[in-house]
Amino acid sequence: MSTQTAEVVVIGAGVIGASIAYHLAARGCTSVVILEKDETEISGSTARSAAGVRHQFSTDVNIRLSLYSIERLKHFSEEIGGHADLQQTGYLFLIDNQVDWEMYRANVALQRSLGVRVELLTPEEAGRFIPGTRTDDLVGATFGPDDGFCDPHGIALGYLNRARELGVRLERAMPATGIRTVSGRVTAVETPAGAIACQVVVNAAGPWAGEVGMLAGLDIPVRPYRRCVYVTEPFPAIPGAIPLTIDVGSGFYMRKEHDNVLFGKSNYAEPPGYNTAVDWEWLDTVLEAGLKRFPILERAGLAEKLCWAGAYEITPDHMPILGRHPDLEGYVDASGFSGHGIMHAPATGMLIAEEILDGRAHTIDIDSLRVMRFRGTLRRELNVI
């Protein structure tokens, strides 16, 4: 490596690391090195995302992160120069029991209080989006017309390219192998090519964030969990764009990708791990849930070669960990997004840049997302897919 010093070392060249590097550089902090353990950047969870973006969360801070981030994605090309391809086709949550319905109604009240456009729908109104949707057991639905999906690779590449134009260095195939500390502060990050002396290290390692934290002797409660995305052959029986639709009772979700349908369902019984092979045995369980709500899918063919799997970086409360660590000066967390990293990357980059350059994030209050919360009572994000 031609440089052995940097003000900031960012570990991870996914969408979060790229956004942080860009936001630092845009504010004049260009002495930044991004370390990527793989030979190619944007090759981990960012590249394997289902790419949903939404405002419909159950916590104030996640809603605020979405409000800021989705507005930035709307203007991404003009502001950053990249390609976000934001498709605001909406998110539709289908509710089949009264307990969940009361919770989602309360969530809608919170979302509306923060300026989010969201609708409460009857079962009949919810059934208009996808032909043949079974609605007889539904209590209601919520629909956010400004939600949708985007292009994760285009966003990450846009941030990364702009950051490098501003002077940020990207080191591929360069894992962090250690984090040196002296008297309770970070002094350097070790790599196979030598140590990089730095003032700040940012853990943006996604599913590997727990392991990176261990390099500094810190317990960062982020664990990797496999999530599979299955894809149909072109399926014109579901015409045009549809919302990203979630059957809350079963956990089944789907959306259109051009003429194909993407669908999936989380396997909460699977232990953590880094396996990203498609789980074909799990497919039967997914299809059973999907066909019960959407019988039309029985007519679709499966495009096996288009299916994929990736890793969610999950925390105990399904909330990200952001900000400085109280036990190690110069160490900053930016991980644990629990499936929401793509949609919250713009806000995260801005806030972590504030945390580093201004001493504290201030545009959005992130105190509820700091790692210290795990020492007390947790408030979980309830709108999790």
Protein backbone atom coordinates (compact mmCIF):
# COMPACT_ATOMS: atom_id res chain seq x y z
CA MET A 1 0.00 0.00 0.00
CA SER A 2 1.28 3.47 -0.87
CA THR A 3 -0.22 5.10 2.20
CA GLN A 4 0.19 4.11 5.82
CA THR A 5 -1.81 6.90 7.44
CA ALA A 6 -5.36 8.22 7.26
CA GLU A 7 -7.63 10.31 9.39
CA VAL A 8 -10.43 7.75 9.03
CA VAL A 9 -10.42 4.08 8.07
CA VAL A 10 -13.81 2.72 6.98
CA ILE A 11 -14.11 -1.07 7.15
CA GLY A 12 -16.50 -2.27 4.44
CA ALA A 13 -17.11 -1.06 0.87
CA GLY A 14 -20.85 -1.70 0.76
CA VAL A 15 -23.50 0.99 0.54
CA ILE A 16 -23.02 2.12 4.17
CA GLY A 17 -19.24 2.40 3.97
CA ALA A 18 -19.46 4.13 0.60
CA SER A 19 -22.02 6.65 1.88
CA ILE A 20 -19.94 7.44 4.96
CA ALA A 21 -16.79 7.92 2.89
CA TYR A 22 -18.60 10.22 0.47
CA HIS A 23 -20.17 12.33 3.20
CA LEU A 24 -16.82 12.72 4.96
CA ALA A 25 -15.09 13.70 1.74
CA ALA A 26 -17.87 16.10 0.74
CA ARG A 27 -17.23 17.96 3.99
CA GLY A 28 -13.50 18.16 3.32
CA CYS A 29 -12.26 15.09 5.17
CA THR A 30 -10.59 13.31 2.27
CA SER A 31 -7.91 11.45 4.23
CA VAL A 32 -10.09 8.35 4.22
CA VAL A 33 -9.25 4.74 3.38
CA ILE A 34 -11.96 2.15 2.73
CA LEU A 35 -10.91 -1.44 3.37
CA GLU A 36 -12.80 -4.14 1.46
CA LYS A 37 -12.00 -7.76 2.29
CA ASP A 38 -13.27 -9.06 -1.07
CA GLU A 39 -11.60 -8.53 -4.42
CA THR A 40 -14.56 -6.45 -5.60
CA GLU A 41 -16.38 -3.65 -3.82
CA ILE A 42 -20.18 -3.79 -3.30
CA SER A 43 -20.08 -7.58 -3.31
CA GLY A 44 -21.62 -8.45 0.06
CA SER A 45 -25.09 -7.79 1.44
CA THR A 46 -25.54 -4.64 -0.64
CA ALA A 47 -25.38 -6.66 -3.85
CA ARG A 48 -27.79 -9.27 -2.48
CA SER A 49 -30.53 -7.00 -1.17
CA ALA A 50 -34.20 -7.15 -2.12
CA ALA A 51 -33.84 -3.34 -2.29
CA GLY A 52 -37.02 -2.23 -0.55
CA VAL A 53 -37.32 1.34 0.75
CA ARG A 54 -40.13 2.43 3.04
CA HIS A 55 -41.34 4.95 5.59
CA GLN A 56 -43.60 2.47 7.37
CA PHE A 57 -41.72 1.76 10.59
CA SER A 58 -42.84 1.55 14.21
CA THR A 59 -40.13 3.77 15.73
CA ASP A 60 -39.64 7.51 15.43
CA VAL A 61 -35.95 7.31 14.56
CA ASN A 62 -36.37 4.77 11.74
CA ILE A 63 -39.12 6.89 10.21
CA ARG A 64 -36.88 9.96 10.35
CA LEU A 65 -34.01 8.03 8.76
CA SER A 66 -36.36 7.02 5.95
CA LEU A 67 -37.78 10.51 5.44
CA TYR A 68 -34.30 11.94 4.95
CA SER A 69 -32.91 9.04 2.93
CA ILE A 70 -35.76 8.53 0.48
CA GLU A 71 -35.81 12.24 -0.30
CA ARG A 72 -32.10 12.02 -1.12
CA LEU A 73 -32.66 8.95 -3.30
CA LYS A 74 -35.26 10.90 -5.27
CA HIS A 75 -32.53 13.37 -6.24
CA PHE A 76 -29.59 10.97 -6.24
CA SER A 77 -28.45 11.41 -9.83
CA GLU A 78 -28.37 15.20 -9.67
CA GLU A 79 -26.78 15.35 -6.21
CA ILE A 80 -24.29 12.46 -6.37
CA GLY A 81 -24.13 11.52 -10.02
CA GLY A 82 -25.03 7.89 -9.53
CA HIS A 83 -28.05 5.78 -10.38
CA ALA A 84 -30.61 5.11 -7.62
CA ASP A 85 -33.50 4.11 -9.91
CA LEU A 86 -36.02 4.75 -7.13
CA GLN A 87 -39.37 3.15 -7.99
CA GLN A 88 -42.07 4.47 -5.66
CA THR A 89 -44.58 1.71 -6.26
CA GLY A 90 -45.54 1.62 -2.58
CA TYR A 91 -45.47 -0.85 0.30
CA LEU A 92 -48.60 -2.78 1.23
CA PHE A 93 -48.91 -4.54 4.61
CA LEU A 94 -51.78 -7.06 4.78
CA ILE A 95 -53.08 -7.68 8.33
CA ASP A 96 -55.11 -10.75 9.31
CA ASN A 97 -55.68 -10.32 13.05
CA GLN A 98 -56.99 -7.62 15.37
CA VAL A 99 -53.92 -7.43 17.62
CA ASP A 100 -51.61 -6.66 14.69
CA TRP A 101 -54.20 -4.30 13.21
CA GLU A 102 -54.26 -2.15 16.35
CA MET A 103 -50.46 -2.03 16.34
CA TYR A 104 -50.32 -1.04 12.66
CA ARG A 105 -52.99 1.61 13.20
CA ALA A 106 -50.84 3.09 15.99
CA ASN A 107 -47.82 2.95 13.67
CA VAL A 108 -49.77 4.83 11.00
CA ALA A 109 -50.67 7.54 13.52
CA LEU A 110 -46.96 7.96 14.35
CA GLN A 111 -45.96 7.95 10.69
CA ARG A 112 -48.56 10.57 9.81
CA SER A 113 -47.47 12.76 12.74
CA LEU A 114 -44.03 12.92 11.11
CA GLY A 115 -45.43 13.83 7.69
CA VAL A 116 -45.50 10.40 6.04
CA ARG A 117 -48.21 9.71 3.48
CA VAL A 118 -49.83 6.42 4.47
CA GLU A 119 -53.32 5.01 4.05
CA LEU A 120 -55.49 2.60 6.05
CA LEU A 121 -57.27 0.27 3.63
CA THR A 122 -60.19 -2.12 3.91
CA PRO A 123 -59.58 -5.73 2.87
CA GLU A 124 -61.45 -5.07 -0.36
CA GLU A 125 -59.30 -2.02 -1.15
CA ALA A 126 -56.14 -3.99 -0.37
CA GLY A 127 -57.18 -6.70 -2.81
CA ARG A 128 -57.14 -4.40 -5.82
CA PHE A 129 -53.35 -4.46 -6.31
CA ILE A 130 -52.74 -8.14 -7.08
CA PRO A 131 -55.30 -10.20 -9.02
CA GLY A 132 -57.00 -12.90 -6.99
CA THR A 133 -55.62 -11.85 -3.59
CA ARG A 134 -57.43 -13.72 -0.84
CA THR A 135 -58.98 -11.06 1.43
CA ASP A 136 -61.74 -12.90 3.31
CA ASP A 137 -59.61 -13.31 6.46
CA LEU A 138 -57.99 -9.85 6.38
CA VAL A 139 -58.80 -7.18 8.95
CA GLY A 140 -57.23 -4.34 6.97
CA ALA A 141 -54.05 -3.08 5.34
CA THR A 142 -51.69 -0.13 5.33
CA PHE A 143 -50.33 1.38 2.12
CA GLY A 144 -47.48 3.86 1.75
CA PRO A 145 -47.51 5.32 -1.78
CA ASP A 146 -44.06 6.89 -1.39
CA ASP A 147 -42.38 3.57 -0.50
CA GLY A 148 -40.95 1.20 -3.09
CA PHE A 149 -37.57 -0.15 -4.15
CA CYS A 150 -34.29 1.03 -5.67
CA ASP A 151 -30.99 -0.07 -7.21
CA PRO A 152 -28.58 -0.85 -4.32
CA HIS A 153 -25.55 -1.36 -6.55
CA GLY A 154 -26.16 1.90 -8.38
CA ILE A 155 -26.44 3.81 -5.10
CA ALA A 156 -23.32 2.29 -3.57
CA LEU A 157 -21.32 2.77 -6.76
CA GLY A 158 -22.49 6.38 -7.02
CA TYR A 159 -21.30 7.16 -3.50
CA LEU A 160 -18.08 5.26 -3.98
CA ASN A 161 -17.17 6.85 -7.30
CA ARG A 162 -17.84 10.35 -5.99
CA ALA A 163 -15.85 9.67 -2.82
CA ARG A 164 -12.86 8.48 -4.84
CA GLU A 165 -13.09 11.56 -7.08
CA LEU A 166 -12.79 13.63 -3.90
CA GLY A 167 -9.67 11.75 -2.80
CA VAL A 168 -10.86 8.74 -0.79
CA ARG A 169 -8.76 5.59 -1.25
CA LEU A 170 -10.32 2.17 -1.79
CA GLU A 171 -8.24 -0.91 -0.97
CA ARG A 172 -9.70 -4.12 -2.39
CA ALA A 173 -8.86 -7.62 -1.10
CA MET A 174 -7.63 -5.90 2.06
CA PRO A 175 -9.34 -7.15 5.21
CA ALA A 176 -8.88 -5.54 8.58
CA THR A 177 -6.98 -8.10 10.63
CA GLY A 178 -6.60 -6.09 13.82
CA ILE A 179 -7.37 -2.77 15.49
CA ARG A 180 -4.56 -1.30 17.57
CA THR A 181 -5.39 0.70 20.67
CA VAL A 182 -3.32 2.66 23.17
CA SER A 183 -4.72 4.03 26.44
CA GLY A 184 -8.31 3.46 25.40
CA ARG A 185 -8.18 4.96 21.93
CA VAL A 186 -7.76 3.68 18.38
CA THR A 187 -4.32 4.21 16.88
CA ALA A 188 -4.22 2.00 13.80
CA VAL A 189 -5.92 -0.69 11.73
CA GLU A 190 -3.86 -3.72 10.80
CA THR A 191 -4.06 -5.29 7.34
CA PRO A 192 -2.09 -7.97 5.47
CA ALA A 193 -0.14 -5.12 3.83
CA GLY A 194 0.73 -3.42 7.10
CA ALA A 195 -0.85 -1.07 9.62
CA ILE A 196 -2.68 2.14 8.75
CA ALA A 197 -2.31 4.73 11.49
CA CYS A 198 -5.60 6.55 11.98
CA GLN A 199 -7.64 8.66 14.36
CA VAL A 200 -10.99 7.00 13.68
CA VAL A 201 -12.11 3.57 12.51
CA VAL A 202 -15.69 3.03 11.31
CA ASN A 203 -17.18 -0.44 11.53
CA ALA A 204 -19.37 -0.61 8.42
CA ALA A 205 -18.72 -4.31 7.89
CA GLY A 206 -22.36 -5.37 7.62
CA PRO A 207 -22.85 -9.03 8.61
CA TRP A 208 -19.20 -9.17 9.71
CA ALA A 209 -19.55 -6.21 12.11
CA GLY A 210 -19.52 -8.46 15.16
CA GLU A 211 -16.19 -9.96 14.10
CA VAL A 212 -14.72 -6.54 13.34
CA GLY A 213 -15.76 -5.32 16.77
CA MET A 214 -13.92 -8.26 18.31
CA LEU A 215 -10.71 -7.01 16.64
CA ALA A 216 -10.95 -4.08 19.05
CA GLY A 217 -12.06 -6.21 21.99
CA LEU A 218 -15.66 -4.98 21.73
CA ASP A 219 -18.88 -6.99 21.85
CA ILE A 220 -20.97 -5.62 18.99
CA PRO A 221 -24.25 -7.60 18.93
CA VAL A 222 -24.58 -7.98 15.16
CA ARG A 223 -25.07 -11.46 13.75
CA PRO A 224 -25.47 -12.68 10.11
CA TYR A 225 -28.65 -14.47 9.05
CA ARG A 226 -29.35 -15.95 5.63
CA ARG A 227 -32.24 -14.52 3.62
CA CYS A 228 -33.28 -16.12 0.32
CA VAL A 229 -34.90 -14.30 -2.58
CA TYR A 230 -36.76 -16.42 -5.11
CA VAL A 231 -37.68 -15.21 -8.60
CA THR A 232 -40.36 -16.30 -11.05
CA GLU A 233 -40.11 -16.46 -14.80
CA PRO A 234 -41.74 -13.43 -16.53
CA PHE A 235 -45.31 -13.47 -15.21
CA PRO A 236 -47.71 -11.13 -17.06
CA ALA A 237 -50.68 -12.48 -15.07
CA ILE A 238 -49.68 -9.86 -12.49
CA PRO A 239 -49.58 -6.85 -14.81
CA GLY A 240 -47.59 -3.66 -14.38
CA ALA A 241 -46.08 -2.39 -11.16
CA ILE A 242 -47.37 -3.57 -7.78
CA PRO A 243 -46.45 -2.46 -4.26
CA LEU A 244 -43.89 -4.45 -2.34
CA THR A 245 -46.54 -6.50 -0.58
CA ILE A 246 -46.16 -8.21 2.80
CA ASP A 247 -48.58 -10.75 4.22
CA VAL A 248 -47.86 -9.90 7.84
CA GLY A 249 -49.38 -13.04 9.32
CA SER A 250 -47.16 -15.41 7.36
CA GLY A 251 -44.18 -13.15 6.65
CA PHE A 252 -44.40 -13.76 2.90
CA TYR A 253 -43.48 -10.81 0.68
CA MET A 254 -43.23 -10.12 -3.03
CA ARG A 255 -42.67 -7.37 -5.57
CA LYS A 256 -42.20 -7.05 -9.32
CA GLU A 257 -38.79 -6.80 -10.99
CA HIS A 258 -39.60 -5.87 -14.56
CA ASP A 259 -41.86 -8.76 -15.66
CA ASN A 260 -40.62 -11.17 -12.98
CA VAL A 261 -41.85 -11.51 -9.40
CA LEU A 262 -39.40 -11.53 -6.50
CA PHE A 263 -40.63 -13.24 -3.33
CA GLY A 264 -39.43 -14.65 -0.04
CA LYS A 265 -40.04 -15.30 3.65
CA SER A 266 -37.56 -15.24 6.53
CA ASN A 267 -36.62 -18.49 8.23
CA TYR A 268 -36.35 -17.39 11.85
CA ALA A 269 -35.44 -20.90 13.00
CA GLU A 270 -32.18 -20.91 11.02
CA PRO A 271 -29.13 -20.16 13.20
CA PRO A 272 -26.72 -17.36 12.30
CA GLY A 273 -24.03 -18.03 9.73
CA TYR A 274 -22.41 -16.90 6.50
CA ASN A 275 -24.02 -19.45 4.16
CA THR A 276 -25.35 -17.58 1.12
CA ALA A 277 -26.37 -20.58 -0.98
CA VAL A 278 -30.06 -20.61 -1.91
CA ASP A 279 -32.06 -22.80 0.48
CA TRP A 280 -34.18 -24.88 -1.89
CA GLU A 281 -35.69 -26.90 0.97
CA TRP A 282 -37.10 -23.70 2.48
CA LEU A 283 -38.83 -22.88 -0.80
CA ASP A 284 -41.74 -25.23 -0.08
CA THR A 285 -42.53 -23.35 3.13
CA VAL A 286 -42.31 -20.03 1.32
CA LEU A 287 -44.60 -21.18 -1.48
CA GLU A 288 -47.15 -22.59 0.95
CA ALA A 289 -47.46 -19.18 2.62
CA GLY A 290 -47.51 -17.29 -0.66
CA LEU A 291 -50.08 -19.46 -2.42
CA LYS A 292 -52.47 -19.22 0.52
CA ARG A 293 -52.67 -15.44 0.10
CA PHE A 294 -51.92 -15.15 -3.62
CA PRO A 295 -53.26 -18.25 -5.45
CA ILE A 296 -52.33 -16.69 -8.79
CA LEU A 297 -48.68 -17.55 -8.13
CA GLU A 298 -49.48 -21.22 -8.76
CA ARG A 299 -49.39 -20.38 -12.46
CA ALA A 300 -45.88 -18.87 -12.31
CA GLY A 301 -42.71 -20.72 -13.24
CA LEU A 302 -39.60 -20.51 -11.08
CA ALA A 303 -36.45 -18.98 -12.61
CA GLU A 304 -33.96 -20.98 -10.56
CA LYS A 305 -30.88 -19.31 -12.04
CA LEU A 306 -32.17 -15.87 -11.01
CA CYS A 307 -32.71 -16.76 -7.33
CA TRP A 308 -30.17 -15.71 -4.75
CA ALA A 309 -29.40 -15.47 -1.04
CA GLY A 310 -27.65 -12.90 1.10
CA ALA A 311 -27.09 -12.08 4.75
CA TYR A 312 -29.05 -9.73 6.99
CA GLU A 313 -26.98 -8.08 9.71
CA ILE A 314 -29.36 -8.41 12.65
CA THR A 315 -29.29 -6.90 16.14
CA PRO A 316 -31.41 -8.07 19.11
CA ASP A 317 -33.88 -5.19 18.63
CA HIS A 318 -33.72 -5.02 14.82
CA MET A 319 -32.30 -1.50 15.02
CA PRO A 320 -28.93 -0.27 13.70
CA ILE A 321 -25.98 0.55 15.92
CA LEU A 322 -24.70 4.04 15.16
CA GLY A 323 -22.14 6.34 16.73
CA ARG A 324 -19.08 6.39 18.93
CA HIS A 325 -18.41 3.59 21.39
CA PRO A 326 -18.11 4.76 25.00
CA ASP A 327 -15.36 2.23 25.78
CA LEU A 328 -12.99 3.04 22.92
CA GLU A 329 -12.20 6.53 21.66
CA GLY A 330 -11.98 6.72 17.88
CA TYR A 331 -14.18 3.67 17.25
CA VAL A 332 -17.51 4.32 15.49
CA ASP A 333 -20.32 1.86 14.74
CA ALA A 334 -22.40 1.92 11.54
CA SER A 335 -23.93 -1.53 11.25
CA GLY A 336 -26.73 -3.81 12.37
CA PHE A 337 -29.40 -2.40 10.04
CA SER A 338 -31.41 -5.63 10.13
CA GLY A 339 -32.38 -5.44 6.48
CA HIS A 340 -32.79 -1.65 6.30
CA GLY A 341 -29.26 -0.58 5.33
CA ILE A 342 -29.98 0.24 1.70
CA MET A 343 -32.86 2.55 2.49
CA HIS A 344 -31.08 4.29 5.38
CA ALA A 345 -27.64 4.67 3.78
CA PRO A 346 -28.01 8.36 2.81
CA ALA A 347 -28.96 9.42 6.35
CA THR A 348 -26.33 7.16 7.89
CA GLY A 349 -23.52 8.64 5.83
CA MET A 350 -24.52 12.16 6.80
CA LEU A 351 -24.93 11.31 10.50
CA ILE A 352 -21.67 9.40 10.86
CA ALA A 353 -19.84 12.26 9.14
CA GLU A 354 -21.39 14.59 11.73
CA GLU A 355 -20.44 12.21 14.53
CA ILE A 356 -16.80 12.22 13.39
CA LEU A 357 -16.35 15.82 12.26
CA ASP A 358 -18.69 17.66 14.65
CA GLY A 359 -18.28 15.42 17.66
CA ARG A 360 -21.91 14.33 17.59
CA ALA A 361 -24.64 13.54 15.05
CA HIS A 362 -27.18 16.36 15.16
CA THR A 363 -29.43 16.42 12.08
CA ILE A 364 -31.26 13.37 13.47
CA ASP A 365 -31.00 12.29 17.12
CA ILE A 366 -29.32 8.86 17.16
CA ASP A 367 -29.01 8.44 20.93
CA SER A 368 -31.55 5.57 20.85
CA LEU A 369 -29.31 3.78 18.33
CA ARG A 370 -26.06 3.94 20.28
CA VAL A 371 -24.51 0.70 21.48
CA MET A 372 -25.10 1.63 25.15
CA ARG A 373 -28.79 0.78 24.75
CA PHE A 374 -27.96 -2.92 25.03
CA ARG A 375 -27.08 -2.29 28.67
CA GLY A 376 -30.71 -1.45 29.43
CA THR A 377 -34.25 -2.15 28.21
CA LEU A 378 -34.61 -2.45 24.45
CA ARG A 379 -37.40 -1.11 22.27
CA ARG A 380 -37.69 -3.32 19.21
CA GLU A 381 -38.53 -2.20 15.70
CA LEU A 382 -41.76 -4.11 15.07
CA ASN A 383 -42.17 -3.59 11.31
CA VAL A 384 -39.57 -6.16 10.30
CA ILE A 385 -39.76 -8.49 7.28
